[in-house]
Amino acid sequence: MLSVCKHITNEKVSIMIKQFEINPLVKKQLRTYLSENNIDLKTAMDTEETNNEVATLVHQGLPGMVRKIYSLEKMQTFFWGKKDLMAEFVAARLDAADKKSKKNLSNNSF
């Protein structure tokens, strides 16, 4: 499977992963996981064990049909094979959620 990951260009991967959002529950679980383990996302993605745990959390938040098609093992292999790209993707999704919630809070304040 890793050889398959090596043949996927970063551009194709970027297009593919941008189709998926990380749902709010998974975002919260990721933040909790990182906080409880006293690590940042980059550190988590650079170690295979914690990378697999991040992949597991993201996989759990995918729609059921996608989970059936794209197994947890495939996702873990993909996350590890493209760890730098996936770290950027997950970080961007978490940052977007923060910006959106701050915007909503400022719009609701009187």
Protein backbone atom coordinates (compact mmCIF):
# COMPACT_ATOMS: atom_id res chain seq x y z
CA MET A 1 0.00 0.00 0.00
CA LEU A 2 2.84 2.39 0.71
CA SER A 3 4.02 2.05 -2.88
CA VAL A 4 0.58 3.19 -4.01
CA CYS A 5 0.84 6.22 -1.73
CA LYS A 6 4.21 7.14 -3.23
CA HIS A 7 2.70 7.31 -6.72
CA ILE A 8 -0.04 9.75 -5.71
CA THR A 9 1.06 13.32 -6.27
CA ASN A 10 0.49 15.91 -3.58
CA GLU A 11 -1.71 17.88 -5.98
CA LYS A 12 -4.04 14.91 -6.53
CA VAL A 13 -4.12 14.19 -2.82
CA SER A 14 -4.95 17.83 -2.05
CA ILE A 15 -7.87 17.75 -4.45
CA MET A 16 -9.10 14.44 -3.04
CA ILE A 17 -8.93 15.38 0.63
CA LYS A 18 -10.47 18.81 0.15
CA GLN A 19 -13.70 16.98 -0.66
CA PHE A 20 -14.00 15.94 2.98
CA GLU A 21 -14.70 18.05 6.02
CA ILE A 22 -13.79 17.02 9.52
CA ASN A 23 -16.99 17.10 11.53
CA PRO A 24 -17.22 19.11 14.78
CA LEU A 25 -17.19 16.03 17.03
CA VAL A 26 -13.96 14.77 15.44
CA LYS A 27 -12.41 18.23 15.74
CA LYS A 28 -13.24 18.22 19.44
CA GLN A 29 -11.89 14.67 19.85
CA LEU A 30 -8.67 15.61 18.06
CA ARG A 31 -8.14 18.64 20.26
CA THR A 32 -8.85 16.59 23.38
CA TYR A 33 -6.49 13.84 22.24
CA LEU A 34 -3.68 16.31 21.55
CA SER A 35 -4.25 18.11 24.84
CA GLU A 36 -4.38 14.93 26.92
CA ASN A 37 -1.16 13.70 25.32
CA ASN A 38 0.57 17.08 25.63
CA ILE A 39 1.52 17.12 21.94
CA ASP A 40 0.81 19.30 18.98
CA LEU A 41 -0.57 18.04 15.68
CA LYS A 42 2.81 18.05 13.92
CA THR A 43 4.35 15.90 16.66
CA ALA A 44 1.40 13.53 16.55
CA MET A 45 1.73 13.15 12.79
CA ASP A 46 5.50 12.51 12.98
CA THR A 47 5.20 9.40 15.16
CA GLU A 48 3.59 6.34 13.60
CA GLU A 49 1.62 5.32 16.70
CA THR A 50 0.05 8.73 17.30
CA ASN A 51 -0.36 9.26 13.53
CA ASN A 52 -2.47 6.08 13.46
CA GLU A 53 -4.56 7.37 16.35
CA VAL A 54 -5.21 10.67 14.53
CA ALA A 55 -6.15 8.70 11.40
CA THR A 56 -8.52 6.57 13.50
CA LEU A 57 -10.27 9.64 14.90
CA VAL A 58 -10.67 11.16 11.43
CA HIS A 59 -11.85 7.82 10.01
CA GLN A 60 -14.54 7.52 12.70
CA GLY A 61 -15.99 10.84 11.56
CA LEU A 62 -16.35 9.86 7.91
CA PRO A 63 -19.77 8.98 6.52
CA GLY A 64 -20.59 5.27 6.89
CA MET A 65 -20.38 4.50 3.18
CA VAL A 66 -16.94 6.11 2.92
CA ARG A 67 -15.74 4.12 5.94
CA LYS A 68 -16.87 0.90 4.25
CA ILE A 69 -15.07 1.76 1.03
CA TYR A 70 -11.98 3.26 2.66
CA SER A 71 -10.93 0.98 5.52
CA LEU A 72 -9.23 2.17 8.67
CA GLU A 73 -6.06 0.34 7.67
CA LYS A 74 -5.97 2.15 4.32
CA MET A 75 -6.50 5.48 6.04
CA GLN A 76 -3.75 4.81 8.56
CA THR A 77 -1.36 3.82 5.77
CA PHE A 78 -2.33 6.92 3.81
CA PHE A 79 -1.91 9.23 6.82
CA TRP A 80 1.53 7.78 7.54
CA GLY A 81 2.64 7.82 3.89
CA LYS A 82 1.51 11.42 3.41
CA LYS A 83 2.03 12.60 6.99
CA ASP A 84 3.24 16.13 6.16
CA LEU A 85 0.40 16.78 3.75
CA MET A 86 -2.18 15.31 6.13
CA ALA A 87 -0.80 17.38 9.02
CA GLU A 88 -1.35 20.50 6.90
CA PHE A 89 -4.84 19.38 5.93
CA VAL A 90 -5.96 18.56 9.48
CA ALA A 91 -4.39 21.76 10.86
CA ALA A 92 -6.16 23.83 8.20
CA ARG A 93 -9.49 22.20 9.07
CA LEU A 94 -8.98 22.85 12.77
CA ASP A 95 -7.97 26.47 12.10
CA ALA A 96 -11.00 26.99 9.88
CA ALA A 97 -13.25 25.73 12.65
CA ASP A 98 -11.63 28.15 15.12
CA LYS A 99 -12.06 31.10 12.76
CA LYS A 100 -15.67 30.16 12.06
CA SER A 101 -16.55 29.87 15.76
CA LYS A 102 -14.82 33.21 16.54
CA LYS A 103 -16.73 34.85 13.69
CA ASN A 104 -20.01 33.42 14.97
CA LEU A 105 -19.25 34.65 18.49
CA SER A 106 -18.46 38.17 17.28
CA ASN A 107 -21.62 38.26 15.16
CA ASN A 108 -23.74 37.22 18.15
CA SER A 109 -22.31 39.75 20.60
CA PHE A 110 -24.23 42.94 21.14
